[in-house]
Amino acid sequence: MRRCTVEPYVDVVGTARQRGTALPAVGSVVPIGDLGASTDWRQALTGVDVVIHTAGRVHQLANHPQVPLSDYRSVNVAGTVRLAQQA
C-alpha cells in the first residue's frame, strides 16, 4: 500500500465505497463498500493512529423526502459507531 506523506511523519490513507476511486492528497484509498453497521473498516485502519471521519449522508433529506430516516441513521449513526468500535 503506497501512502502519501503530507508532513514528515504523517501518512494519509483514504476510504471509498468503490475500488479505483482517486482522492487528492491521499496516498492510498481502501475500498470499504457502503457505510453501515456491517462495514469492515479493519483494512483501512491497519497501522492508523488517528481517524478523521467526515463521511455521511447529508442534504438528501430536504431534496428527497421519500428517503426513509432509517437510511440516514444506518449510514450516519450505525456506520459511525462501527468505525469507532473497530478503531
Foldseek 3Di string as FASTA:
>chain_A
DFFADPDPPDTAEAEDQDPPDDDPRGGYYHHFHAFFLPTDCQVVCVPDDDDDDDDFDDDVCVVPVVDDPVVRCRHVPNRVVNVVVND
